[in-house]
PDB file of N, CA and C in Angstrom:
ATOM      1  N   MET A   1       2.283  -5.715 -13.946  1.00  0.00           N
ATOM      2  CA  MET A   1       1.223  -4.825 -13.539  1.00  0.00           C
ATOM      3  C   MET A   1       1.819  -3.455 -13.279  1.00  0.00           C
ATOM      4  N   SER A   2       1.499  -2.491 -14.123  1.00  0.00           N
ATOM      5  CA  SER A   2       1.981  -1.145 -13.839  1.00  0.00           C
ATOM      6  C   SER A   2       1.267  -0.095 -14.673  1.00  0.00           C
ATOM      7  N   ASP A   3      -0.063  -0.182 -14.784  1.00  0.00           N
ATOM      8  CA  ASP A   3      -0.805   0.908 -15.410  1.00  0.00           C
ATOM      9  C   ASP A   3      -0.617   2.180 -14.599  1.00  0.00           C
ATOM     10  N   HIS A   4      -0.522   2.021 -13.278  1.00  0.00           N
ATOM     11  CA  HIS A   4      -0.316   3.141 -12.359  1.00  0.00           C
ATOM     12  C   HIS A   4       0.875   2.767 -11.475  1.00  0.00           C
ATOM     13  N   LEU A   5       1.861   3.637 -11.454  1.00  0.00           N
ATOM     14  CA  LEU A   5       3.068   3.399 -10.667  1.00  0.00           C
ATOM     15  C   LEU A   5       3.338   4.654  -9.862  1.00  0.00           C
ATOM     16  N   MET A   6       3.460   4.487  -8.541  1.00  0.00           N
ATOM     17  CA  MET A   6       3.704   5.670  -7.712  1.00  0.00           C
ATOM     18  C   MET A   6       4.544   5.318  -6.493  1.00  0.00           C
ATOM     19  N   PRO A   7       5.405   6.232  -6.082  1.00  0.00           N
ATOM     20  CA  PRO A   7       6.170   5.996  -4.851  1.00  0.00           C
ATOM     21  C   PRO A   7       5.227   5.986  -3.656  1.00  0.00           C
ATOM     22  N   LEU A   8       5.603   5.260  -2.651  1.00  0.00           N
ATOM     23  CA  LEU A   8       4.799   5.157  -1.432  1.00  0.00           C
ATOM     24  C   LEU A   8       5.714   5.495  -0.257  1.00  0.00           C
ATOM     25  N   PRO A   9       5.953   6.792  -0.027  1.00  0.00           N
ATOM     26  CA  PRO A   9       6.911   7.178   1.012  1.00  0.00           C
ATOM     27  C   PRO A   9       6.348   6.975   2.421  1.00  0.00           C
ATOM     28  N   ILE A  10       7.046   6.197   3.206  1.00  0.00           N
ATOM     29  CA  ILE A  10       6.707   6.022   4.622  1.00  0.00           C
ATOM     30  C   ILE A  10       8.007   6.260   5.388  1.00  0.00           C
ATOM     31  N   ALA A  11       7.994   7.290   6.217  1.00  0.00           N
ATOM     32  CA  ALA A  11       9.208   7.713   6.923  1.00  0.00           C
ATOM     33  C   ALA A  11       9.758   6.601   7.818  1.00  0.00           C
ATOM     34  N   ALA A  12      11.066   6.504   7.859  1.00  0.00           N
ATOM     35  CA  ALA A  12      11.732   5.497   8.704  1.00  0.00           C
ATOM     36  C   ALA A  12      11.415   5.707  10.177  1.00  0.00           C
ATOM     37  N   ASP A  13      11.029   6.932  10.548  1.00  0.00           N
ATOM     38  CA  ASP A  13      10.692   7.205  11.946  1.00  0.00           C
ATOM     39  C   ASP A  13       9.176   7.268  12.166  1.00  0.00           C
ATOM     40  N   HIS A  14       8.402   6.664  11.256  1.00  0.00           N
ATOM     41  CA  HIS A  14       6.940   6.623  11.421  1.00  0.00           C
ATOM     42  C   HIS A  14       6.629   6.052  12.808  1.00  0.00           C
ATOM     43  N   PRO A  15       5.708   6.657  13.549  1.00  0.00           N
ATOM     44  CA  PRO A  15       5.434   6.213  14.924  1.00  0.00           C
ATOM     45  C   PRO A  15       4.976   4.756  15.042  1.00  0.00           C
ATOM     46  N   ALA A  16       4.418   4.195  13.994  1.00  0.00           N
ATOM     47  CA  ALA A  16       3.952   2.805  14.073  1.00  0.00           C
ATOM     48  C   ALA A  16       5.099   1.816  14.263  1.00  0.00           C
ATOM     49  N   TYR A  17       6.284   2.176  13.787  1.00  0.00           N
ATOM     50  CA  TYR A  17       7.432   1.275  13.951  1.00  0.00           C
ATOM     51  C   TYR A  17       7.793   1.074  15.423  1.00  0.00           C
ATOM     52  N   ALA A  18       7.633   2.119  16.226  1.00  0.00           N
ATOM     53  CA  ALA A  18       8.080   2.077  17.628  1.00  0.00           C
ATOM     54  C   ALA A  18       7.412   0.963  18.425  1.00  0.00           C
ATOM     55  N   GLY A  19       6.151   0.710  18.165  1.00  0.00           N
ATOM     56  CA  GLY A  19       5.462  -0.297  18.962  1.00  0.00           C
ATOM     57  C   GLY A  19       5.244  -1.616  18.257  1.00  0.00           C
ATOM     58  N   HIS A  20       5.810  -1.768  17.065  1.00  0.00           N
ATOM     59  CA  HIS A  20       5.527  -2.963  16.249  1.00  0.00           C
ATOM     60  C   HIS A  20       6.797  -3.467  15.602  1.00  0.00           C
ATOM     61  N   PHE A  21       7.622  -4.056  16.138  1.00  0.00           N
ATOM     62  CA  PHE A  21       7.760  -4.574  17.495  1.00  0.00           C
ATOM     63  C   PHE A  21       9.010  -3.965  18.110  1.00  0.00           C
ATOM     64  N   PRO A  22       8.991  -3.599  19.388  1.00  0.00           N
ATOM     65  CA  PRO A  22      10.171  -2.977  19.998  1.00  0.00           C
ATOM     66  C   PRO A  22      11.415  -3.848  19.817  1.00  0.00           C
ATOM     67  N   GLY A  23      12.469  -3.229  19.319  1.00  0.00           N
ATOM     68  CA  GLY A  23      13.730  -3.940  19.098  1.00  0.00           C
ATOM     69  C   GLY A  23      13.837  -4.588  17.735  1.00  0.00           C
ATOM     70  N   GLN A  24      12.724  -4.887  17.090  1.00  0.00           N
ATOM     71  CA  GLN A  24      12.702  -5.472  15.741  1.00  0.00           C
ATOM     72  C   GLN A  24      11.527  -4.878  14.972  1.00  0.00           C
ATOM     73  N   PRO A  25      11.601  -3.582  14.650  1.00  0.00           N
ATOM     74  CA  PRO A  25      10.448  -2.902  14.070  1.00  0.00           C
ATOM     75  C   PRO A  25      10.116  -3.361  12.650  1.00  0.00           C
ATOM     76  N   ILE A  26       8.824  -3.550  12.395  1.00  0.00           N
ATOM     77  CA  ILE A  26       8.297  -3.763  11.049  1.00  0.00           C
ATOM     78  C   ILE A  26       7.050  -2.899  10.906  1.00  0.00           C
ATOM     79  N   LEU A  27       6.749  -2.536   9.677  1.00  0.00           N
ATOM     80  CA  LEU A  27       5.585  -1.690   9.425  1.00  0.00           C
ATOM     81  C   LEU A  27       4.313  -2.522   9.552  1.00  0.00           C
ATOM     82  N   PRO A  28       3.372  -2.097  10.387  1.00  0.00           N
ATOM     83  CA  PRO A  28       2.112  -2.836  10.486  1.00  0.00           C
ATOM     84  C   PRO A  28       1.376  -2.854   9.141  1.00  0.00           C
ATOM     85  N   GLY A  29       0.751  -3.967   8.831  1.00  0.00           N
ATOM     86  CA  GLY A  29       0.031  -4.104   7.575  1.00  0.00           C
ATOM     87  C   GLY A  29      -1.050  -3.062   7.389  1.00  0.00           C
ATOM     88  N   VAL A  30      -1.722  -2.682   8.467  1.00  0.00           N
ATOM     89  CA  VAL A  30      -2.791  -1.687   8.359  1.00  0.00           C
ATOM     90  C   VAL A  30      -2.231  -0.336   7.917  1.00  0.00           C
ATOM     91  N   VAL A  31      -1.037   0.022   8.347  1.00  0.00           N
ATOM     92  CA  VAL A  31      -0.416   1.280   7.922  1.00  0.00           C
ATOM     93  C   VAL A  31      -0.035   1.186   6.449  1.00  0.00           C
ATOM     94  N   LEU A  32       0.536   0.066   6.049  1.00  0.00           N
ATOM     95  CA  LEU A  32       0.922  -0.150   4.657  1.00  0.00           C
ATOM     96  C   LEU A  32      -0.295  -0.034   3.733  1.00  0.00           C
ATOM     97  N   LEU A  33      -1.391  -0.701   4.092  1.00  0.00           N
ATOM     98  CA  LEU A  33      -2.606  -0.647   3.274  1.00  0.00           C
ATOM     99  C   LEU A  33      -3.224   0.746   3.264  1.00  0.00           C
ATOM    100  N   ASP A  34      -3.262   1.407   4.410  1.00  0.00           N
ATOM    101  CA  ASP A  34      -3.830   2.745   4.481  1.00  0.00           C
ATOM    102  C   ASP A  34      -3.080   3.697   3.554  1.00  0.00           C
ATOM    103  N   GLU A  35      -1.765   3.682   3.608  1.00  0.00           N
ATOM    104  CA  GLU A  35      -0.959   4.562   2.756  1.00  0.00           C
ATOM    105  C   GLU A  35      -1.161   4.230   1.282  1.00  0.00           C
ATOM    106  N   ALA A  36      -1.218   2.947   0.949  1.00  0.00           N
ATOM    107  CA  ALA A  36      -1.398   2.535  -0.442  1.00  0.00           C
ATOM    108  C   ALA A  36      -2.769   2.952  -0.966  1.00  0.00           C
ATOM    109  N   LEU A  37      -3.816   2.717  -0.185  1.00  0.00           N
ATOM    110  CA  LEU A  37      -5.169   3.059  -0.629  1.00  0.00           C
ATOM    111  C   LEU A  37      -5.354   4.566  -0.745  1.00  0.00           C
ATOM    112  N   LEU A  38      -4.770   5.327   0.178  1.00  0.00           N
ATOM    113  CA  LEU A  38      -4.840   6.790   0.073  1.00  0.00           C
ATOM    114  C   LEU A  38      -4.116   7.289  -1.177  1.00  0.00           C
ATOM    115  N   ALA A  39      -2.966   6.714  -1.476  1.00  0.00           N
ATOM    116  CA  ALA A  39      -2.215   7.117  -2.675  1.00  0.00           C
ATOM    117  C   ALA A  39      -2.997   6.783  -3.941  1.00  0.00           C
ATOM    118  N   LEU A  40      -3.584   5.604  -3.990  1.00  0.00           N
ATOM    119  CA  LEU A  40      -4.356   5.205  -5.167  1.00  0.00           C
ATOM    120  C   LEU A  40      -5.615   6.063  -5.308  1.00  0.00           C
ATOM    121  N   ALA A  41      -6.311   6.322  -4.207  1.00  0.00           N
ATOM    122  CA  ALA A  41      -7.505   7.173  -4.242  1.00  0.00           C
ATOM    123  C   ALA A  41      -7.146   8.585  -4.708  1.00  0.00           C
ATOM    124  N   ALA A  42      -6.032   9.129  -4.219  1.00  0.00           N
ATOM    125  CA  ALA A  42      -5.601  10.473  -4.625  1.00  0.00           C
ATOM    126  C   ALA A  42      -5.261  10.491  -6.109  1.00  0.00           C
ATOM    127  N   GLN A  43      -4.566   9.466  -6.573  1.00  0.00           N
ATOM    128  CA  GLN A  43      -4.176   9.397  -7.976  1.00  0.00           C
ATOM    129  C   GLN A  43      -5.408   9.317  -8.876  1.00  0.00           C
ATOM    130  N   GLN A  44      -6.467   8.691  -8.403  1.00  0.00           N
ATOM    131  CA  GLN A  44      -7.700   8.548  -9.160  1.00  0.00           C
ATOM    132  C   GLN A  44      -8.672   9.712  -8.942  1.00  0.00           C
ATOM    133  N   GLY A  45      -8.304  10.662  -8.047  1.00  0.00           N
ATOM    134  CA  GLY A  45      -9.199  11.767  -7.732  1.00  0.00           C
ATOM    135  C   GLY A  45     -10.444  11.293  -6.990  1.00  0.00           C
ATOM    136  N   ARG A  46     -10.285  10.272  -6.149  1.00  0.00           N
ATOM    137  CA  ARG A  46     -11.426   9.653  -5.458  1.00  0.00           C
ATOM    138  C   ARG A  46     -11.245   9.682  -3.944  1.00  0.00           C
ATOM    139  N   LEU A  47     -10.709  10.769  -3.414  1.00  0.00           N
ATOM    140  CA  LEU A  47     -10.448  10.835  -1.972  1.00  0.00           C
ATOM    141  C   LEU A  47     -11.716  10.745  -1.129  1.00  0.00           C
ATOM    142  N   ASP A  48     -12.868  11.066  -1.717  1.00  0.00           N
ATOM    143  CA  ASP A  48     -14.118  10.993  -0.963  1.00  0.00           C
ATOM    144  C   ASP A  48     -14.809   9.635  -1.114  1.00  0.00           C
ATOM    145  N   ALA A  49     -14.207   8.729  -1.844  1.00  0.00           N
ATOM    146  CA  ALA A  49     -14.836   7.436  -2.119  1.00  0.00           C
ATOM    147  C   ALA A  49     -14.661   6.461  -0.952  1.00  0.00           C
ATOM    148  N   ALA A  50     -15.633   5.592  -0.829  1.00  0.00           N
ATOM    149  CA  ALA A  50     -15.500   4.452   0.075  1.00  0.00           C
ATOM    150  C   ALA A  50     -14.764   3.364  -0.706  1.00  0.00           C
ATOM    151  N   TRP A  51     -14.124   2.458  -0.020  1.00  0.00           N
ATOM    152  CA  TRP A  51     -13.424   1.383  -0.717  1.00  0.00           C
ATOM    153  C   TRP A  51     -13.674   0.059  -0.020  1.00  0.00           C
ATOM    154  N   GLN A  52     -13.522  -0.980  -0.794  1.00  0.00           N
ATOM    155  CA  GLN A  52     -13.679  -2.332  -0.263  1.00  0.00           C
ATOM    156  C   GLN A  52     -12.507  -3.167  -0.746  1.00  0.00           C
ATOM    157  N   LEU A  53     -11.788  -3.737   0.214  1.00  0.00           N
ATOM    158  CA  LEU A  53     -10.708  -4.659  -0.136  1.00  0.00           C
ATOM    159  C   LEU A  53     -11.327  -5.998  -0.505  1.00  0.00           C
ATOM    160  N   LYS A  54     -11.013  -6.486  -1.690  1.00  0.00           N
ATOM    161  CA  LYS A  54     -11.529  -7.778  -2.132  1.00  0.00           C
ATOM    162  C   LYS A  54     -10.592  -8.901  -1.708  1.00  0.00           C
ATOM    163  N   SER A  55      -9.296  -8.606  -1.720  1.00  0.00           N
ATOM    164  CA  SER A  55      -8.299  -9.584  -1.268  1.00  0.00           C
ATOM    165  C   SER A  55      -7.022  -8.842  -0.919  1.00  0.00           C
ATOM    166  N   VAL A  56      -6.272  -9.395   0.030  1.00  0.00           N
ATOM    167  CA  VAL A  56      -4.976  -8.837   0.417  1.00  0.00           C
ATOM    168  C   VAL A  56      -4.089  -9.986   0.866  1.00  0.00           C
ATOM    169  N   LYS A  57      -2.838  -9.951   0.432  1.00  0.00           N
ATOM    170  CA  LYS A  57      -1.828 -10.899   0.908  1.00  0.00           C
ATOM    171  C   LYS A  57      -0.594 -10.103   1.302  1.00  0.00           C
ATOM    172  N   PHE A  58      -0.043 -10.442   2.437  1.00  0.00           N
ATOM    173  CA  PHE A  58       1.220  -9.846   2.873  1.00  0.00           C
ATOM    174  C   PHE A  58       2.304 -10.890   2.619  1.00  0.00           C
ATOM    175  N   HIS A  59       3.318 -10.498   1.848  1.00  0.00           N
ATOM    176  CA  HIS A  59       4.348 -11.437   1.426  1.00  0.00           C
ATOM    177  C   HIS A  59       5.638 -11.327   2.223  1.00  0.00           C
ATOM    178  N   SER A  60       5.941 -10.120   2.692  1.00  0.00           N
ATOM    179  CA  SER A  60       7.235  -9.881   3.322  1.00  0.00           C
ATOM    180  C   SER A  60       7.129  -8.641   4.206  1.00  0.00           C
ATOM    181  N   PRO A  61       7.813  -8.624   5.361  1.00  0.00           N
ATOM    182  CA  PRO A  61       7.747  -7.438   6.220  1.00  0.00           C
ATOM    183  C   PRO A  61       8.495  -6.246   5.627  1.00  0.00           C
ATOM    184  N   VAL A  62       8.060  -5.054   6.015  1.00  0.00           N
ATOM    185  CA  VAL A  62       8.717  -3.805   5.610  1.00  0.00           C
ATOM    186  C   VAL A  62       9.465  -3.269   6.816  1.00  0.00           C
ATOM    187  N   LEU A  63      10.759  -3.045   6.630  1.00  0.00           N
ATOM    188  CA  LEU A  63      11.617  -2.521   7.689  1.00  0.00           C
ATOM    189  C   LEU A  63      11.769  -1.017   7.543  1.00  0.00           C
ATOM    190  N   PRO A  64      12.100  -0.315   8.630  1.00  0.00           N
ATOM    191  CA  PRO A  64      12.303   1.135   8.544  1.00  0.00           C
ATOM    192  C   PRO A  64      13.352   1.485   7.485  1.00  0.00           C
ATOM    193  N   GLY A  65      13.045   2.497   6.673  1.00  0.00           N
ATOM    194  CA  GLY A  65      13.988   2.983   5.680  1.00  0.00           C
ATOM    195  C   GLY A  65      13.902   2.298   4.324  1.00  0.00           C
ATOM    196  N   GLU A  66      13.104   1.259   4.200  1.00  0.00           N
ATOM    197  CA  GLU A  66      12.985   0.601   2.902  1.00  0.00           C
ATOM    198  C   GLU A  66      12.081   1.430   1.990  1.00  0.00           C
ATOM    199  N   SER A  67      12.448   1.497   0.729  1.00  0.00           N
ATOM    200  CA  SER A  67      11.736   2.295  -0.266  1.00  0.00           C
ATOM    201  C   SER A  67      10.605   1.471  -0.880  1.00  0.00           C
ATOM    202  N   LEU A  68       9.395   2.044  -0.874  1.00  0.00           N
ATOM    203  CA  LEU A  68       8.218   1.325  -1.359  1.00  0.00           C
ATOM    204  C   LEU A  68       7.661   1.965  -2.628  1.00  0.00           C
ATOM    205  N   THR A  69       7.137   1.115  -3.512  1.00  0.00           N
ATOM    206  CA  THR A  69       6.488   1.565  -4.735  1.00  0.00           C
ATOM    207  C   THR A  69       5.164   0.831  -4.875  1.00  0.00           C
ATOM    208  N   LEU A  70       4.120   1.573  -5.218  1.00  0.00           N
ATOM    209  CA  LEU A  70       2.803   1.002  -5.444  1.00  0.00           C
ATOM    210  C   LEU A  70       2.600   0.822  -6.940  1.00  0.00           C
ATOM    211  N   HIS A  71       2.302  -0.398  -7.341  1.00  0.00           N
ATOM    212  CA  HIS A  71       1.983  -0.734  -8.727  1.00  0.00           C
ATOM    213  C   HIS A  71       0.500  -1.115  -8.739  1.00  0.00           C
ATOM    214  N   ALA A  72      -0.275  -0.525  -9.646  1.00  0.00           N
ATOM    215  CA  ALA A  72      -1.703  -0.840  -9.704  1.00  0.00           C
ATOM    216  C   ALA A  72      -2.145  -0.932 -11.155  1.00  0.00           C
ATOM    217  N   ALA A  73      -3.120  -1.790 -11.384  1.00  0.00           N
ATOM    218  CA  ALA A  73      -3.683  -1.957 -12.723  1.00  0.00           C
ATOM    219  C   ALA A  73      -5.194  -2.079 -12.603  1.00  0.00           C
ATOM    220  N   ASP A  74      -5.892  -1.567 -13.610  1.00  0.00           N
ATOM    221  CA  ASP A  74      -7.346  -1.708 -13.636  1.00  0.00           C
ATOM    222  C   ASP A  74      -7.710  -3.187 -13.596  1.00  0.00           C
ATOM    223  N   SER A  75      -8.757  -3.482 -12.867  1.00  0.00           N
ATOM    224  CA  SER A  75      -9.233  -4.858 -12.727  1.00  0.00           C
ATOM    225  C   SER A  75     -10.478  -5.053 -13.578  1.00  0.00           C
ATOM    226  N   PRO A  76     -10.653  -6.227 -14.150  1.00  0.00           N
ATOM    227  CA  PRO A  76     -11.870  -6.484 -14.913  1.00  0.00           C
ATOM    228  C   PRO A  76     -13.139  -6.354 -14.057  1.00  0.00           C
ATOM    229  N   ALA A  77     -12.998  -6.496 -12.747  1.00  0.00           N
ATOM    230  CA  ALA A  77     -14.146  -6.403 -11.838  1.00  0.00           C
ATOM    231  C   ALA A  77     -14.529  -4.955 -11.525  1.00  0.00           C
ATOM    232  N   GLY A  78     -13.824  -3.981 -12.113  1.00  0.00           N
ATOM    233  CA  GLY A  78     -14.178  -2.585 -11.906  1.00  0.00           C
ATOM    234  C   GLY A  78     -13.376  -1.874 -10.836  1.00  0.00           C
ATOM    235  N   GLY A  79     -12.364  -2.479 -10.313  1.00  0.00           N
ATOM    236  CA  GLY A  79     -11.515  -1.852  -9.309  1.00  0.00           C
ATOM    237  C   GLY A  79     -10.070  -1.863  -9.780  1.00  0.00           C
ATOM    238  N   PHE A  80      -9.190  -2.171  -8.848  1.00  0.00           N
ATOM    239  CA  PHE A  80      -7.764  -2.204  -9.149  1.00  0.00           C
ATOM    240  C   PHE A  80      -7.120  -3.411  -8.493  1.00  0.00           C
ATOM    241  N   ARG A  81      -6.188  -4.007  -9.189  1.00  0.00           N
ATOM    242  CA  ARG A  81      -5.268  -4.968  -8.581  1.00  0.00           C
ATOM    243  C   ARG A  81      -4.035  -4.148  -8.208  1.00  0.00           C
ATOM    244  N   PHE A  82      -3.432  -4.462  -7.078  1.00  0.00           N
ATOM    245  CA  PHE A  82      -2.245  -3.707  -6.676  1.00  0.00           C
ATOM    246  C   PHE A  82      -1.164  -4.635  -6.147  1.00  0.00           C
ATOM    247  N   GLU A  83       0.049  -4.131  -6.253  1.00  0.00           N
ATOM    248  CA  GLU A  83       1.203  -4.794  -5.649  1.00  0.00           C
ATOM    249  C   GLU A  83       2.069  -3.697  -5.057  1.00  0.00           C
ATOM    250  N   ILE A  84       2.527  -3.918  -3.835  1.00  0.00           N
ATOM    251  CA  ILE A  84       3.458  -2.993  -3.196  1.00  0.00           C
ATOM    252  C   ILE A  84       4.810  -3.682  -3.207  1.00  0.00           C
ATOM    253  N   ARG A  85       5.789  -3.005  -3.801  1.00  0.00           N
ATOM    254  CA  ARG A  85       7.136  -3.553  -3.920  1.00  0.00           C
ATOM    255  C   ARG A  85       8.084  -2.732  -3.067  1.00  0.00           C
ATOM    256  N   CYS A  86       9.141  -3.375  -2.621  1.00  0.00           N
ATOM    257  CA  CYS A  86      10.092  -2.770  -1.698  1.00  0.00           C
ATOM    258  C   CYS A  86      11.502  -2.910  -2.251  1.00  0.00           C
ATOM    259  N   ARG A  87      12.279  -1.840  -2.099  1.00  0.00           N
ATOM    260  CA  ARG A  87      13.703  -1.896  -2.431  1.00  0.00           C
ATOM    261  C   ARG A  87      14.462  -1.697  -1.125  1.00  0.00           C
ATOM    262  N   ASP A  88      15.279  -2.680  -0.771  1.00  0.00           N
ATOM    263  CA  ASP A  88      16.004  -2.594   0.498  1.00  0.00           C
ATOM    264  C   ASP A  88      17.307  -1.814   0.339  1.00  0.00           C
ATOM    265  N   SER A  89      18.069  -1.706   1.408  1.00  0.00           N
ATOM    266  CA  SER A  89      19.292  -0.894   1.404  1.00  0.00           C
ATOM    267  C   SER A  89      20.367  -1.442   0.467  1.00  0.00           C
ATOM    268  N   GLN A  90      20.282  -2.715   0.076  1.00  0.00           N
ATOM    269  CA  GLN A  90      21.234  -3.294  -0.873  1.00  0.00           C
ATOM    270  C   GLN A  90      20.743  -3.152  -2.316  1.00  0.00           C
ATOM    271  N   GLY A  91      19.543  -2.591  -2.509  1.00  0.00           N
ATOM    272  CA  GLY A  91      19.002  -2.406  -3.848  1.00  0.00           C
ATOM    273  C   GLY A  91      18.184  -3.586  -4.353  1.00  0.00           C
ATOM    274  N   ASP A  92      18.019  -4.612  -3.528  1.00  0.00           N
ATOM    275  CA  ASP A  92      17.212  -5.759  -3.932  1.00  0.00           C
ATOM    276  C   ASP A  92      15.735  -5.414  -3.824  1.00  0.00           C
ATOM    277  N   GLU A  93      14.930  -5.916  -4.774  1.00  0.00           N
ATOM    278  CA  GLU A  93      13.502  -5.621  -4.777  1.00  0.00           C
ATOM    279  C   GLU A  93      12.702  -6.891  -4.494  1.00  0.00           C
ATOM    280  N   ARG A  94      11.606  -6.711  -3.767  1.00  0.00           N
ATOM    281  CA  ARG A  94      10.720  -7.838  -3.468  1.00  0.00           C
ATOM    282  C   ARG A  94       9.301  -7.309  -3.301  1.00  0.00           C
ATOM    283  N   GLY A  95       8.330  -8.193  -3.503  1.00  0.00           N
ATOM    284  CA  GLY A  95       6.943  -7.852  -3.256  1.00  0.00           C
ATOM    285  C   GLY A  95       6.655  -7.969  -1.770  1.00  0.00           C
ATOM    286  N   VAL A  96       5.932  -7.000  -1.211  1.00  0.00           N
ATOM    287  CA  VAL A  96       5.596  -7.058   0.213  1.00  0.00           C
ATOM    288  C   VAL A  96       4.103  -7.237   0.451  1.00  0.00           C
ATOM    289  N   ALA A  97       3.267  -6.837  -0.504  1.00  0.00           N
ATOM    290  CA  ALA A  97       1.823  -7.029  -0.362  1.00  0.00           C
ATOM    291  C   ALA A  97       1.181  -6.943  -1.735  1.00  0.00           C
ATOM    292  N   SER A  98       0.034  -7.585  -1.858  1.00  0.00           N
ATOM    293  CA  SER A  98      -0.726  -7.512  -3.109  1.00  0.00           C
ATOM    294  C   SER A  98      -2.197  -7.740  -2.793  1.00  0.00           C
ATOM    295  N   GLY A  99      -3.045  -7.352  -3.731  1.00  0.00           N
ATOM    296  CA  GLY A  99      -4.464  -7.572  -3.520  1.00  0.00           C
ATOM    297  C   GLY A  99      -5.302  -6.850  -4.547  1.00  0.00           C
ATOM    298  N   SER A 100      -6.580  -6.692  -4.237  1.00  0.00           N
ATOM    299  CA  SER A 100      -7.490  -5.973  -5.119  1.00  0.00           C
ATOM    300  C   SER A 100      -8.444  -5.127  -4.277  1.00  0.00           C
ATOM    301  N   VAL A 101      -8.836  -4.013  -4.869  1.00  0.00           N
ATOM    302  CA  VAL A 101      -9.708  -3.053  -4.171  1.00  0.00           C
ATOM    303  C   VAL A 101     -10.717  -2.477  -5.173  1.00  0.00           C
ATOM    304  N   VAL A 102     -11.902  -2.151  -4.654  1.00  0.00           N
ATOM    305  CA  VAL A 102     -12.939  -1.500  -5.444  1.00  0.00           C
ATOM    306  C   VAL A 102     -13.318  -0.198  -4.734  1.00  0.00           C
ATOM    307  N   PHE A 103     -13.352   0.906  -5.468  1.00  0.00           N
ATOM    308  CA  PHE A 103     -13.803   2.188  -4.933  1.00  0.00           C
ATOM    309  C   PHE A 103     -15.252   2.389  -5.334  1.00  0.00           C
ATOM    310  N   SER A 104     -16.022   3.000  -4.454  1.00  0.00           N
ATOM    311  CA  SER A 104     -17.411   3.322  -4.759  1.00  0.00           C
ATOM    312  C   SER A 104     -17.697   4.726  -4.228  1.00  0.00           C
ATOM    313  N   PRO A 105     -18.766   5.358  -4.696  1.00  0.00           N
ATOM    314  CA  PRO A 105     -19.074   6.694  -4.186  1.00  0.00           C
ATOM    315  C   PRO A 105     -19.281   6.670  -2.671  1.00  0.00           C
ATOM    316  N   ALA A 106     -18.868   7.749  -2.045  1.00  0.00           N
ATOM    317  CA  ALA A 106     -19.062   7.858  -0.589  1.00  0.00           C
ATOM    318  C   ALA A 106     -20.557   7.896  -0.286  1.00  0.00           C
ATOM    319  N   PRO A 107     -20.982   7.258   0.804  1.00  0.00           N
ATOM    320  CA  PRO A 107     -22.399   7.304   1.160  1.00  0.00           C
ATOM    321  C   PRO A 107     -22.803   8.727   1.535  1.00  0.00           C
ATOM    322  N   PRO A 108     -24.053   9.099   1.299  1.00  0.00           N
ATOM    323  CA  PRO A 108     -24.493  10.456   1.661  1.00  0.00           C
ATOM    324  C   PRO A 108     -24.392  10.683   3.163  1.00  0.00           C
ATOM    325  N   ALA A 109     -24.076  11.907   3.512  1.00  0.00           N
ATOM    326  CA  ALA A 109     -23.912  12.243   4.942  1.00  0.00           C
ATOM    327  C   ALA A 109     -25.233  12.434   5.620  1.00  0.00           C
TER     328      ALA A 109
END
């Protein structure tokens, strides 16, 4: 899956690490998904769109300083399937999350 491939930079000193969990920080899933969905929406020129997660799986925790890449492909259902991959400090790569999302026009204000 890689119709769309983009880096997903999340700073090692992101404030979410401090409280999740003290002494053994991992990136909260909500931060990971928010960054991924914003990157995909920006890449599609759909920053004003509403989105609906159809499915999400978290496979592995993300530690501070790990390099993330978002892989996305068009879905037959009209949205995108995505996978977030991580490269650790030793250069090993693993999947950390995957799922599917559908974007729709933003509701009128």
